[in-house]
Amino acid sequence: MSLKSALNATARCVALVAVLGFGLGATARAGSIPFTFSSSITPSSYGSGNTTLSYAGHASDGSHNASSPGTDIQVGTLAVNSTTPTSGSDVVNSTVVISVTLKDTASGLTGTFTATEHLSGTVNISQVNLTDSVTSYAPTTFLIGKDLYKITLPTNYFASPGASNGSSPGIFTVHVDAVATPEPSSLALAGIGAFVVAGFAGRRYYSRKTSAMVNMA
């Protein structure tokens, strides 16, 4: 084997190793991205007539996995109590701020997002007719440790209580998913691979161009 052939073969090997290293680094932690969370809701209560709405945050009862497709988490509850008779109703217009702190298990670091929600409707002793509209929530994405988290609202982000004075509270839900960011060493390998491949391609182009010029002469 000539020296030129040996150099070309070495260049191909270096590029292949770099590309494989980048791929492995990007996917090594993609199998599971565990996290825990805690949340708070303010104000914690709202009153209208003979009706009281009581809000409570929630803390995770174990670890959750944010890797694709992600997971829904229940970040708060709503209990409704009313003594207003069925012949009438109390009007509800309640705005709350829900703050949720995610803790990335791998790094031990945290990130917080906040949602402002407005509940409106009517309530009496036997019926709860409430709708929830989210006026703002941010941030929608944030980096915690080496994982990029994304927060979205599922279609059923609010489940209203079926009745007042009942045992089934309303539930607030968000969806969390995350992707692992490549390791710095993987990015370095990718850069080396791109440099080697570019140099190899340029050398082949120059060699072919020179050969063509010699043949034309």
N, C-alpha and C. Protein backbone atom coordinates (compact mmCIF):
# COMPACT_ATOMS: atom_id res chain seq x y z
N MET A 1 0.85 -1.19 0.00
CA MET A 1 0.00 0.00 0.00
C MET A 1 0.88 1.24 0.00
N SER A 2 0.54 2.21 -0.89
CA SER A 2 1.33 3.44 -0.96
C SER A 2 1.04 4.32 0.24
N LEU A 3 1.93 5.29 0.48
CA LEU A 3 1.74 6.22 1.59
C LEU A 3 0.45 7.01 1.42
N LYS A 4 0.14 7.40 0.19
CA LYS A 4 -1.07 8.16 -0.07
C LYS A 4 -2.31 7.35 0.27
N SER A 5 -2.33 6.06 -0.11
CA SER A 5 -3.47 5.20 0.18
C SER A 5 -3.63 5.00 1.67
N ALA A 6 -2.50 4.85 2.37
CA ALA A 6 -2.56 4.69 3.83
C ALA A 6 -3.13 5.91 4.50
N LEU A 7 -2.73 7.10 4.04
CA LEU A 7 -3.24 8.34 4.62
C LEU A 7 -4.74 8.49 4.36
N ASN A 8 -5.17 8.12 3.16
CA ASN A 8 -6.59 8.21 2.84
C ASN A 8 -7.40 7.26 3.71
N ALA A 9 -6.91 6.04 3.91
CA ALA A 9 -7.61 5.08 4.75
C ALA A 9 -7.68 5.56 6.19
N THR A 10 -6.60 6.16 6.68
CA THR A 10 -6.59 6.71 8.05
C THR A 10 -7.60 7.82 8.20
N ALA A 11 -7.70 8.69 7.20
CA ALA A 11 -8.64 9.80 7.24
C ALA A 11 -10.07 9.29 7.32
N ARG A 12 -10.34 8.22 6.53
CA ARG A 12 -11.69 7.66 6.57
C ARG A 12 -12.01 7.09 7.95
N CYS A 13 -11.07 6.42 8.57
CA CYS A 13 -11.28 5.84 9.89
C CYS A 13 -11.52 6.91 10.95
N VAL A 14 -10.73 7.99 10.90
CA VAL A 14 -10.89 9.08 11.86
C VAL A 14 -12.28 9.70 11.73
N ALA A 15 -12.71 9.93 10.51
CA ALA A 15 -14.03 10.53 10.28
C ALA A 15 -15.13 9.62 10.80
N LEU A 16 -14.98 8.30 10.54
CA LEU A 16 -16.00 7.35 10.97
C LEU A 16 -16.09 7.30 12.50
N VAL A 17 -14.94 7.26 13.16
CA VAL A 17 -14.92 7.24 14.63
C VAL A 17 -15.56 8.49 15.19
N ALA A 18 -15.28 9.66 14.59
CA ALA A 18 -15.84 10.92 15.07
C ALA A 18 -17.35 10.93 14.95
N VAL A 19 -17.85 10.48 13.79
CA VAL A 19 -19.30 10.47 13.58
C VAL A 19 -19.99 9.50 14.54
N LEU A 20 -19.40 8.31 14.71
CA LEU A 20 -19.97 7.35 15.65
C LEU A 20 -19.94 7.87 17.07
N GLY A 21 -18.86 8.55 17.44
CA GLY A 21 -18.76 9.11 18.79
C GLY A 21 -19.82 10.15 19.04
N PHE A 22 -20.10 10.98 18.05
CA PHE A 22 -21.14 12.00 18.20
C PHE A 22 -22.50 11.35 18.38
N GLY A 23 -22.77 10.32 17.56
CA GLY A 23 -24.07 9.65 17.67
C GLY A 23 -24.25 8.98 19.00
N LEU A 24 -23.22 8.31 19.48
CA LEU A 24 -23.32 7.64 20.77
C LEU A 24 -23.47 8.63 21.91
N GLY A 25 -22.75 9.74 21.83
CA GLY A 25 -22.84 10.75 22.89
C GLY A 25 -24.20 11.38 22.96
N ALA A 26 -24.83 11.58 21.80
CA ALA A 26 -26.14 12.24 21.76
C ALA A 26 -27.25 11.32 22.24
N THR A 27 -27.01 9.97 22.10
CA THR A 27 -28.09 9.05 22.44
C THR A 27 -27.85 8.28 23.74
N ALA A 28 -26.68 8.46 24.33
CA ALA A 28 -26.34 7.67 25.52
C ALA A 28 -27.33 7.90 26.66
N ARG A 29 -27.82 9.16 26.80
CA ARG A 29 -28.71 9.46 27.91
C ARG A 29 -30.15 9.62 27.47
N ALA A 30 -30.42 9.28 26.20
CA ALA A 30 -31.76 9.54 25.67
C ALA A 30 -32.79 8.51 26.11
N GLY A 31 -32.35 7.38 26.70
CA GLY A 31 -33.28 6.34 27.07
C GLY A 31 -34.22 6.76 28.18
N SER A 32 -33.75 7.52 29.14
CA SER A 32 -34.57 7.93 30.27
C SER A 32 -34.08 9.27 30.79
N ILE A 33 -35.01 10.19 31.03
CA ILE A 33 -34.69 11.49 31.61
C ILE A 33 -35.58 11.67 32.83
N PRO A 34 -35.17 11.15 33.98
CA PRO A 34 -36.01 11.21 35.18
C PRO A 34 -36.02 12.60 35.82
N PHE A 35 -37.16 12.95 36.39
CA PHE A 35 -37.30 14.22 37.10
C PHE A 35 -38.37 14.10 38.17
N THR A 36 -38.34 15.03 39.11
CA THR A 36 -39.40 15.17 40.10
C THR A 36 -39.89 16.61 40.04
N PHE A 37 -40.98 16.91 40.75
CA PHE A 37 -41.50 18.27 40.69
C PHE A 37 -42.25 18.62 41.97
N SER A 38 -42.46 19.89 42.17
CA SER A 38 -43.34 20.40 43.22
C SER A 38 -44.01 21.65 42.69
N SER A 39 -45.21 21.96 43.19
CA SER A 39 -45.95 23.11 42.66
C SER A 39 -46.68 23.84 43.78
N SER A 40 -47.02 25.08 43.49
CA SER A 40 -47.81 25.89 44.42
C SER A 40 -48.82 26.70 43.63
N ILE A 41 -49.95 27.04 44.27
CA ILE A 41 -51.00 27.84 43.62
C ILE A 41 -51.35 29.01 44.52
N THR A 42 -51.34 30.21 43.95
CA THR A 42 -51.72 31.41 44.70
C THR A 42 -52.76 32.21 43.91
N PRO A 43 -53.75 32.78 44.62
CA PRO A 43 -54.05 32.56 46.05
C PRO A 43 -54.56 31.14 46.27
N SER A 44 -54.59 30.74 47.53
CA SER A 44 -54.98 29.36 47.83
C SER A 44 -56.50 29.20 47.94
N SER A 45 -57.24 30.32 47.97
CA SER A 45 -58.70 30.21 48.07
C SER A 45 -59.38 31.40 47.41
N TYR A 46 -60.66 31.21 47.11
CA TYR A 46 -61.47 32.25 46.48
C TYR A 46 -62.89 32.08 46.98
N GLY A 47 -63.58 33.18 47.27
CA GLY A 47 -64.94 33.12 47.76
C GLY A 47 -65.90 33.95 46.94
N SER A 48 -67.11 33.44 46.75
CA SER A 48 -68.17 34.15 46.06
C SER A 48 -69.50 33.71 46.65
N GLY A 49 -70.18 34.64 47.34
CA GLY A 49 -71.45 34.28 47.97
C GLY A 49 -71.24 33.21 49.02
N ASN A 50 -71.95 32.10 48.85
CA ASN A 50 -71.82 30.97 49.78
C ASN A 50 -70.93 29.87 49.22
N THR A 51 -70.06 30.24 48.27
CA THR A 51 -69.19 29.27 47.60
C THR A 51 -67.73 29.59 47.89
N THR A 52 -66.95 28.55 48.16
CA THR A 52 -65.51 28.69 48.37
C THR A 52 -64.76 27.74 47.46
N LEU A 53 -63.75 28.27 46.76
CA LEU A 53 -62.85 27.47 45.95
C LEU A 53 -61.52 27.37 46.70
N SER A 54 -61.02 26.15 46.90
CA SER A 54 -59.76 25.93 47.60
C SER A 54 -58.76 25.26 46.66
N TYR A 55 -57.62 25.94 46.46
CA TYR A 55 -56.59 25.44 45.55
C TYR A 55 -55.43 24.84 46.35
N ALA A 56 -54.80 23.82 45.80
CA ALA A 56 -53.64 23.21 46.45
C ALA A 56 -52.63 22.77 45.38
N GLY A 57 -51.36 23.06 45.64
CA GLY A 57 -50.30 22.57 44.77
C GLY A 57 -50.09 21.08 45.00
N HIS A 58 -49.10 20.55 44.29
CA HIS A 58 -48.88 19.10 44.36
C HIS A 58 -47.39 18.83 44.24
N ALA A 59 -46.94 17.76 44.87
CA ALA A 59 -45.55 17.30 44.75
C ALA A 59 -45.56 15.89 44.18
N SER A 60 -44.59 15.58 43.35
CA SER A 60 -44.54 14.26 42.74
C SER A 60 -44.39 13.19 43.80
N ASP A 61 -45.08 12.07 43.61
CA ASP A 61 -45.00 10.96 44.55
C ASP A 61 -43.96 9.94 44.12
N GLY A 62 -43.12 10.34 43.17
CA GLY A 62 -42.05 9.46 42.67
C GLY A 62 -41.39 10.11 41.47
N SER A 63 -40.52 9.38 40.84
CA SER A 63 -39.81 9.91 39.68
C SER A 63 -40.65 9.75 38.42
N HIS A 64 -40.56 10.75 37.53
CA HIS A 64 -41.24 10.71 36.24
C HIS A 64 -40.20 10.72 35.12
N ASN A 65 -40.58 10.20 33.97
CA ASN A 65 -39.66 10.13 32.83
C ASN A 65 -40.09 11.12 31.77
N ALA A 66 -39.20 12.09 31.47
CA ALA A 66 -39.55 13.15 30.51
C ALA A 66 -39.13 12.82 29.09
N SER A 67 -38.40 11.73 28.87
CA SER A 67 -37.97 11.41 27.51
C SER A 67 -39.19 11.09 26.65
N SER A 68 -39.05 11.27 25.34
CA SER A 68 -40.16 11.13 24.40
C SER A 68 -40.93 9.84 24.62
N PRO A 69 -42.25 9.89 24.67
CA PRO A 69 -43.14 11.02 24.35
C PRO A 69 -43.45 11.95 25.52
N GLY A 70 -42.72 11.84 26.61
CA GLY A 70 -42.98 12.69 27.76
C GLY A 70 -44.09 12.14 28.65
N THR A 71 -44.54 12.98 29.57
CA THR A 71 -45.55 12.51 30.52
C THR A 71 -46.40 13.67 31.01
N ASP A 72 -47.67 13.38 31.34
CA ASP A 72 -48.55 14.36 31.98
C ASP A 72 -48.32 14.32 33.48
N ILE A 73 -48.29 15.50 34.11
CA ILE A 73 -48.18 15.55 35.57
C ILE A 73 -49.31 16.42 36.12
N GLN A 74 -49.86 16.00 37.24
CA GLN A 74 -50.92 16.76 37.91
C GLN A 74 -50.26 17.76 38.85
N VAL A 75 -50.43 19.06 38.54
CA VAL A 75 -49.70 20.08 39.29
C VAL A 75 -50.57 20.82 40.30
N GLY A 76 -51.86 20.48 40.39
CA GLY A 76 -52.70 21.16 41.37
C GLY A 76 -54.11 20.59 41.40
N THR A 77 -54.81 20.91 42.48
CA THR A 77 -56.18 20.45 42.63
C THR A 77 -57.08 21.61 43.05
N LEU A 78 -58.36 21.45 42.80
CA LEU A 78 -59.37 22.44 43.16
C LEU A 78 -60.54 21.76 43.85
N ALA A 79 -60.82 22.19 45.07
CA ALA A 79 -62.00 21.69 45.80
C ALA A 79 -63.04 22.81 45.88
N VAL A 80 -64.29 22.47 45.61
CA VAL A 80 -65.38 23.45 45.61
C VAL A 80 -66.38 23.08 46.69
N ASN A 81 -66.69 24.06 47.54
CA ASN A 81 -67.70 23.87 48.59
C ASN A 81 -68.73 24.99 48.50
N SER A 82 -70.01 24.61 48.50
CA SER A 82 -71.07 25.60 48.36
C SER A 82 -72.31 25.19 49.15
N THR A 83 -72.97 26.19 49.72
CA THR A 83 -74.27 25.96 50.38
C THR A 83 -75.39 26.69 49.66
N THR A 84 -75.09 27.26 48.51
CA THR A 84 -76.10 27.97 47.73
C THR A 84 -77.12 26.97 47.18
N PRO A 85 -78.42 27.17 47.42
CA PRO A 85 -79.43 26.20 46.96
C PRO A 85 -79.48 26.12 45.45
N THR A 86 -80.09 25.06 44.97
CA THR A 86 -80.17 24.83 43.53
C THR A 86 -81.02 25.86 42.81
N SER A 87 -81.81 26.61 43.55
CA SER A 87 -82.64 27.65 42.93
C SER A 87 -81.80 28.86 42.50
N GLY A 88 -80.56 28.90 42.92
CA GLY A 88 -79.68 30.01 42.56
C GLY A 88 -78.27 29.52 42.29
N SER A 89 -77.35 30.44 42.02
CA SER A 89 -75.96 30.09 41.74
C SER A 89 -75.06 31.26 42.13
N ASP A 90 -73.84 30.94 42.52
CA ASP A 90 -72.83 31.96 42.75
C ASP A 90 -71.94 32.05 41.52
N VAL A 91 -71.65 33.28 41.14
CA VAL A 91 -70.80 33.51 39.97
C VAL A 91 -69.33 33.48 40.39
N VAL A 92 -68.54 32.76 39.62
CA VAL A 92 -67.11 32.60 39.92
C VAL A 92 -66.28 33.31 38.86
N ASN A 93 -65.34 34.14 39.30
CA ASN A 93 -64.31 34.75 38.45
C ASN A 93 -63.01 34.76 39.25
N SER A 94 -62.24 33.70 39.11
CA SER A 94 -61.07 33.49 39.94
C SER A 94 -59.81 33.36 39.08
N THR A 95 -58.79 34.16 39.39
CA THR A 95 -57.51 34.07 38.69
C THR A 95 -56.45 33.53 39.65
N VAL A 96 -55.72 32.52 39.19
CA VAL A 96 -54.68 31.91 40.02
C VAL A 96 -53.37 31.83 39.25
N VAL A 97 -52.28 31.77 39.99
CA VAL A 97 -50.94 31.59 39.41
C VAL A 97 -50.40 30.25 39.91
N ILE A 98 -50.07 29.38 38.96
CA ILE A 98 -49.53 28.07 39.30
C ILE A 98 -48.04 28.07 38.97
N SER A 99 -47.21 27.82 39.97
CA SER A 99 -45.75 27.75 39.78
C SER A 99 -45.30 26.30 39.97
N VAL A 100 -44.59 25.79 38.97
CA VAL A 100 -44.13 24.41 39.01
C VAL A 100 -42.62 24.37 38.88
N THR A 101 -41.97 23.73 39.81
CA THR A 101 -40.51 23.58 39.79
C THR A 101 -40.15 22.14 39.45
N LEU A 102 -39.41 21.97 38.35
CA LEU A 102 -38.93 20.65 37.94
C LEU A 102 -37.51 20.46 38.46
N LYS A 103 -37.22 19.27 38.93
CA LYS A 103 -35.86 18.94 39.37
C LYS A 103 -35.33 17.79 38.52
N ASP A 104 -34.30 18.10 37.75
CA ASP A 104 -33.66 17.10 36.90
C ASP A 104 -32.85 16.15 37.79
N THR A 105 -33.19 14.87 37.75
CA THR A 105 -32.55 13.91 38.66
C THR A 105 -31.06 13.77 38.40
N ALA A 106 -30.66 13.75 37.13
CA ALA A 106 -29.25 13.52 36.79
C ALA A 106 -28.34 14.61 37.32
N SER A 107 -28.77 15.87 37.19
CA SER A 107 -27.92 16.99 37.58
C SER A 107 -28.24 17.52 38.98
N GLY A 108 -29.46 17.27 39.45
CA GLY A 108 -29.88 17.84 40.73
C GLY A 108 -30.28 19.29 40.63
N LEU A 109 -30.28 19.85 39.40
CA LEU A 109 -30.64 21.25 39.19
C LEU A 109 -32.14 21.38 38.96
N THR A 110 -32.64 22.61 39.11
CA THR A 110 -34.07 22.86 38.98
C THR A 110 -34.37 23.97 37.98
N GLY A 111 -35.60 23.98 37.52
CA GLY A 111 -36.11 25.05 36.66
C GLY A 111 -37.59 25.24 36.96
N THR A 112 -38.06 26.47 36.85
CA THR A 112 -39.44 26.78 37.24
C THR A 112 -40.19 27.45 36.09
N PHE A 113 -41.43 27.02 35.88
CA PHE A 113 -42.30 27.73 34.95
C PHE A 113 -43.58 28.13 35.68
N THR A 114 -44.23 29.18 35.17
CA THR A 114 -45.40 29.74 35.84
C THR A 114 -46.55 29.89 34.84
N ALA A 115 -47.74 29.50 35.26
CA ALA A 115 -48.93 29.64 34.43
C ALA A 115 -49.97 30.48 35.18
N THR A 116 -50.58 31.41 34.45
CA THR A 116 -51.68 32.22 35.00
C THR A 116 -52.98 31.73 34.37
N GLU A 117 -53.93 31.35 35.21
CA GLU A 117 -55.17 30.77 34.70
C GLU A 117 -56.38 31.47 35.32
N HIS A 118 -57.45 31.56 34.53
CA HIS A 118 -58.67 32.23 34.97
C HIS A 118 -59.84 31.26 34.91
N LEU A 119 -60.47 31.06 36.06
CA LEU A 119 -61.64 30.18 36.14
C LEU A 119 -62.91 31.02 36.24
N SER A 120 -63.89 30.65 35.45
CA SER A 120 -65.16 31.38 35.46
C SER A 120 -66.31 30.40 35.33
N GLY A 121 -67.48 30.81 35.83
CA GLY A 121 -68.66 29.96 35.73
C GLY A 121 -69.60 30.17 36.91
N THR A 122 -70.42 29.18 37.16
CA THR A 122 -71.40 29.26 38.25
C THR A 122 -71.35 27.98 39.09
N VAL A 123 -71.71 28.16 40.38
CA VAL A 123 -71.67 27.04 41.33
C VAL A 123 -72.86 27.14 42.28
N ASN A 124 -73.45 26.00 42.59
CA ASN A 124 -74.41 25.93 43.70
C ASN A 124 -74.17 24.62 44.46
N ILE A 125 -75.04 24.25 45.35
CA ILE A 125 -74.79 23.12 46.22
C ILE A 125 -74.70 21.79 45.48
N SER A 126 -75.26 21.72 44.30
CA SER A 126 -75.27 20.44 43.57
C SER A 126 -74.56 20.48 42.22
N GLN A 127 -74.24 21.67 41.72
CA GLN A 127 -73.64 21.77 40.38
C GLN A 127 -72.42 22.67 40.37
N VAL A 128 -71.44 22.25 39.58
CA VAL A 128 -70.24 23.06 39.34
C VAL A 128 -70.07 23.19 37.83
N ASN A 129 -70.18 24.41 37.35
CA ASN A 129 -70.00 24.69 35.92
C ASN A 129 -68.86 25.69 35.76
N LEU A 130 -67.65 25.18 35.65
CA LEU A 130 -66.47 26.03 35.57
C LEU A 130 -65.68 25.73 34.32
N THR A 131 -65.15 26.80 33.72
CA THR A 131 -64.21 26.67 32.61
C THR A 131 -62.91 27.37 32.99
N ASP A 132 -61.83 26.90 32.43
CA ASP A 132 -60.51 27.45 32.75
C ASP A 132 -59.83 27.90 31.47
N SER A 133 -59.32 29.13 31.48
CA SER A 133 -58.56 29.64 30.34
C SER A 133 -57.19 30.06 30.83
N VAL A 134 -56.15 29.64 30.10
CA VAL A 134 -54.77 30.00 30.45
C VAL A 134 -54.43 31.31 29.76
N THR A 135 -54.12 32.33 30.55
CA THR A 135 -53.79 33.63 29.97
C THR A 135 -52.32 33.75 29.64
N SER A 136 -51.47 33.02 30.35
CA SER A 136 -50.04 33.03 30.03
C SER A 136 -49.35 31.88 30.75
N TYR A 137 -48.27 31.38 30.13
CA TYR A 137 -47.39 30.46 30.84
C TYR A 137 -46.01 30.51 30.19
N ALA A 138 -44.99 30.53 31.03
CA ALA A 138 -43.62 30.68 30.56
C ALA A 138 -42.65 30.22 31.64
N PRO A 139 -41.43 29.80 31.23
CA PRO A 139 -41.03 29.60 29.84
C PRO A 139 -41.60 28.28 29.30
N THR A 140 -41.67 28.17 28.00
CA THR A 140 -42.16 26.92 27.41
C THR A 140 -41.04 25.90 27.27
N THR A 141 -39.80 26.36 27.16
CA THR A 141 -38.65 25.47 27.13
C THR A 141 -37.55 26.05 28.01
N PHE A 142 -36.80 25.18 28.66
CA PHE A 142 -35.65 25.63 29.44
C PHE A 142 -34.70 24.47 29.65
N LEU A 143 -33.42 24.83 29.78
CA LEU A 143 -32.36 23.84 29.95
C LEU A 143 -32.11 23.63 31.44
N ILE A 144 -32.20 22.37 31.87
CA ILE A 144 -31.87 22.01 33.25
C ILE A 144 -30.76 20.97 33.19
N GLY A 145 -29.59 21.34 33.68
CA GLY A 145 -28.46 20.45 33.54
C GLY A 145 -28.12 20.24 32.08
N LYS A 146 -28.15 19.00 31.63
CA LYS A 146 -27.84 18.69 30.23
C LYS A 146 -29.08 18.30 29.44
N ASP A 147 -30.26 18.57 30.01
CA ASP A 147 -31.51 18.17 29.37
C ASP A 147 -32.37 19.40 29.05
N LEU A 148 -32.91 19.43 27.84
CA LEU A 148 -33.77 20.53 27.41
C LEU A 148 -35.22 20.12 27.61
N TYR A 149 -35.89 20.79 28.55
CA TYR A 149 -37.27 20.47 28.90
C TYR A 149 -38.24 21.36 28.12
N LYS A 150 -39.40 20.78 27.80
CA LYS A 150 -40.45 21.51 27.10
C LYS A 150 -41.77 21.30 27.83
N ILE A 151 -42.49 22.40 28.06
CA ILE A 151 -43.78 22.35 28.76
C ILE A 151 -44.89 22.70 27.78
N THR A 152 -45.89 21.84 27.70
CA THR A 152 -47.07 22.11 26.87
C THR A 152 -48.33 21.80 27.69
N LEU A 153 -49.46 22.30 27.19
CA LEU A 153 -50.74 22.06 27.86
C LEU A 153 -51.52 21.00 27.09
N PRO A 154 -51.84 19.88 27.72
CA PRO A 154 -52.65 18.86 27.04
C PRO A 154 -54.07 19.37 26.83
N THR A 155 -54.83 18.68 26.02
CA THR A 155 -56.20 19.09 25.74
C THR A 155 -57.03 19.16 27.01
N ASN A 156 -56.84 18.22 27.90
CA ASN A 156 -57.59 18.17 29.16
C ASN A 156 -56.76 18.73 30.31
N TYR A 157 -56.16 19.92 30.11
CA TYR A 157 -55.29 20.47 31.14
C TYR A 157 -56.05 20.85 32.41
N PHE A 158 -57.37 21.03 32.30
CA PHE A 158 -58.18 21.28 33.50
C PHE A 158 -59.40 20.37 33.48
N ALA A 159 -59.55 19.61 34.57
CA ALA A 159 -60.73 18.78 34.76
C ALA A 159 -61.54 19.37 35.91
N SER A 160 -62.72 19.85 35.61
CA SER A 160 -63.55 20.50 36.62
C SER A 160 -64.14 19.48 37.58
N PRO A 161 -64.33 19.88 38.85
CA PRO A 161 -65.02 18.98 39.79
C PRO A 161 -66.42 18.67 39.27
N GLY A 162 -66.85 17.45 39.46
CA GLY A 162 -68.18 17.08 38.99
C GLY A 162 -69.29 17.72 39.79
N ALA A 163 -69.04 17.95 41.07
CA ALA A 163 -70.06 18.54 41.94
C ALA A 163 -69.37 19.20 43.12
N SER A 164 -70.07 20.13 43.76
CA SER A 164 -69.51 20.76 44.95
C SER A 164 -69.63 19.82 46.14
N ASN A 165 -68.79 20.08 47.15
CA ASN A 165 -68.79 19.29 48.38
C ASN A 165 -68.53 17.81 48.11
N GLY A 166 -67.86 17.52 47.02
CA GLY A 166 -67.61 16.12 46.66
C GLY A 166 -66.20 15.68 46.98
N SER A 167 -65.94 14.40 46.79
CA SER A 167 -64.63 13.83 47.08
C SER A 167 -63.70 13.85 45.88
N SER A 168 -64.21 14.25 44.70
CA SER A 168 -63.38 14.28 43.49
C SER A 168 -63.07 15.74 43.14
N PRO A 169 -61.85 16.19 43.42
CA PRO A 169 -61.50 17.59 43.15
C PRO A 169 -61.23 17.83 41.67
N GLY A 170 -61.18 19.10 41.29
CA GLY A 170 -60.72 19.45 39.96
C GLY A 170 -59.21 19.26 39.89
N ILE A 171 -58.68 19.05 38.67
CA ILE A 171 -57.26 18.74 38.51
C ILE A 171 -56.66 19.62 37.42
N PHE A 172 -55.48 20.18 37.71
CA PHE A 172 -54.70 20.94 36.74
C PHE A 172 -53.53 20.06 36.26
N THR A 173 -53.34 20.01 34.94
CA THR A 173 -52.34 19.11 34.36
C THR A 173 -51.47 19.84 33.34
N VAL A 174 -50.19 19.51 33.28
CA VAL A 174 -49.31 19.97 32.21
C VAL A 174 -48.56 18.76 31.66
N HIS A 175 -48.02 18.92 30.46
CA HIS A 175 -47.25 17.85 29.83
C HIS A 175 -45.77 18.24 29.80
N VAL A 176 -44.91 17.33 30.19
CA VAL A 176 -43.47 17.59 30.24
C VAL A 176 -42.75 16.57 29.36
N ASP A 177 -41.91 17.06 28.47
CA ASP A 177 -41.00 16.16 27.76
C ASP A 177 -39.64 16.83 27.64
N ALA A 178 -38.63 16.05 27.37
CA ALA A 178 -37.26 16.58 27.35
C ALA A 178 -36.40 15.77 26.40
N VAL A 179 -35.33 16.39 25.93
CA VAL A 179 -34.33 15.71 25.10
C VAL A 179 -32.96 15.97 25.71
N ALA A 180 -32.10 14.97 25.60
CA ALA A 180 -30.74 15.12 26.10
C ALA A 180 -29.91 15.90 25.09
N THR A 181 -29.14 16.86 25.56
CA THR A 181 -28.26 17.62 24.67
C THR A 181 -26.95 16.87 24.53
N PRO A 182 -26.28 16.98 23.37
CA PRO A 182 -25.02 16.25 23.15
C PRO A 182 -23.95 16.67 24.15
N GLU A 183 -23.09 15.71 24.52
CA GLU A 183 -21.95 16.00 25.38
C GLU A 183 -20.96 16.87 24.63
N PRO A 184 -20.21 17.75 25.33
CA PRO A 184 -19.18 18.57 24.67
C PRO A 184 -18.16 17.73 23.91
N SER A 185 -17.81 16.56 24.47
CA SER A 185 -16.83 15.71 23.80
C SER A 185 -17.38 15.19 22.47
N SER A 186 -18.70 14.95 22.43
CA SER A 186 -19.31 14.49 21.18
C SER A 186 -19.29 15.58 20.13
N LEU A 187 -19.54 16.82 20.57
CA LEU A 187 -19.47 17.93 19.63
C LEU A 187 -18.07 18.10 19.08
N ALA A 188 -17.06 17.91 19.95
CA ALA A 188 -15.68 18.02 19.50
C ALA A 188 -15.36 16.95 18.47
N LEU A 189 -15.83 15.71 18.73
CA LEU A 189 -15.60 14.64 17.77
C LEU A 189 -16.28 14.92 16.44
N ALA A 190 -17.49 15.49 16.51
CA ALA A 190 -18.20 15.83 15.28
C ALA A 190 -17.42 16.87 14.49
N GLY A 191 -16.86 17.85 15.19
CA GLY A 191 -16.06 18.88 14.51
C GLY A 191 -14.83 18.29 13.85
N ILE A 192 -14.16 17.37 14.55
CA ILE A 192 -12.98 16.72 13.98
C ILE A 192 -13.37 15.92 12.74
N GLY A 193 -14.47 15.19 12.86
CA GLY A 193 -14.92 14.40 11.73
C GLY A 193 -15.25 15.25 10.51
N ALA A 194 -15.95 16.38 10.75
CA ALA A 194 -16.29 17.27 9.64
C ALA A 194 -15.03 17.84 9.00
N PHE A 195 -14.04 18.19 9.82
CA PHE A 195 -12.78 18.76 9.31
C PHE A 195 -12.04 17.74 8.45
N VAL A 196 -11.97 16.49 8.96
CA VAL A 196 -11.25 15.45 8.22
C VAL A 196 -11.94 15.14 6.91
N VAL A 197 -13.28 15.01 6.97
CA VAL A 197 -14.04 14.70 5.75
C VAL A 197 -13.88 15.82 4.72
N ALA A 198 -13.96 17.08 5.19
CA ALA A 198 -13.81 18.21 4.27
C ALA A 198 -12.42 18.21 3.64
N GLY A 199 -11.39 17.94 4.46
CA GLY A 199 -10.04 17.92 3.95
C GLY A 199 -9.83 16.79 2.96
N PHE A 200 -10.40 15.63 3.25
CA PHE A 200 -10.28 14.48 2.36
C PHE A 200 -10.97 14.75 1.03
N ALA A 201 -12.18 15.35 1.12
CA ALA A 201 -12.91 15.66 -0.12
C ALA A 201 -12.17 16.69 -0.96
N GLY A 202 -11.61 17.69 -0.29
CA GLY A 202 -10.87 18.71 -1.02
C GLY A 202 -9.64 18.15 -1.68
N ARG A 203 -8.95 17.22 -1.00
CA ARG A 203 -7.75 16.63 -1.57
C ARG A 203 -8.08 15.78 -2.79
N ARG A 204 -9.22 15.05 -2.71
CA ARG A 204 -9.62 14.24 -3.86
C ARG A 204 -9.98 15.12 -5.05
N TYR A 205 -10.66 16.24 -4.75
CA TYR A 205 -11.03 17.15 -5.83
C TYR A 205 -9.79 17.73 -6.49
N TYR A 206 -8.80 18.14 -5.68
CA TYR A 206 -7.57 18.73 -6.20
C TYR A 206 -6.80 17.70 -7.03
N SER A 207 -6.78 16.44 -6.53
CA SER A 207 -6.05 15.40 -7.23
C SER A 207 -6.67 15.12 -8.59
N ARG A 208 -8.01 15.07 -8.62
CA ARG A 208 -8.69 14.81 -9.90
C ARG A 208 -8.48 15.97 -10.87
N LYS A 209 -8.54 17.20 -10.35
CA LYS A 209 -8.37 18.36 -11.21
C LYS A 209 -6.97 18.40 -11.80
N THR A 210 -5.97 18.06 -10.98
CA THR A 210 -4.59 18.06 -11.46
C THR A 210 -4.38 16.99 -12.52
N SER A 211 -4.96 15.82 -12.28
CA SER A 211 -4.84 14.73 -13.26
C SER A 211 -5.48 15.11 -14.59
N ALA A 212 -6.62 15.79 -14.51
CA ALA A 212 -7.30 16.19 -15.75
C ALA A 212 -6.47 17.19 -16.52
N MET A 213 -5.83 18.11 -15.80
CA MET A 213 -4.99 19.12 -16.47
C MET A 213 -3.79 18.46 -17.12
N VAL A 214 -3.21 17.44 -16.47
CA VAL A 214 -2.06 16.75 -17.04
C VAL A 214 -2.47 16.00 -18.30
N ASN A 215 -3.64 15.35 -18.25
CA ASN A 215 -4.11 14.61 -19.43
C ASN A 215 -4.40 15.52 -20.60
N MET A 216 -4.93 16.70 -20.31
CA MET A 216 -5.23 17.66 -21.37
C MET A 216 -3.93 18.17 -22.03
N ALA A 217 -2.88 18.29 -21.19
CA ALA A 217 -1.59 18.75 -21.73
C ALA A 217 -0.98 17.67 -22.61
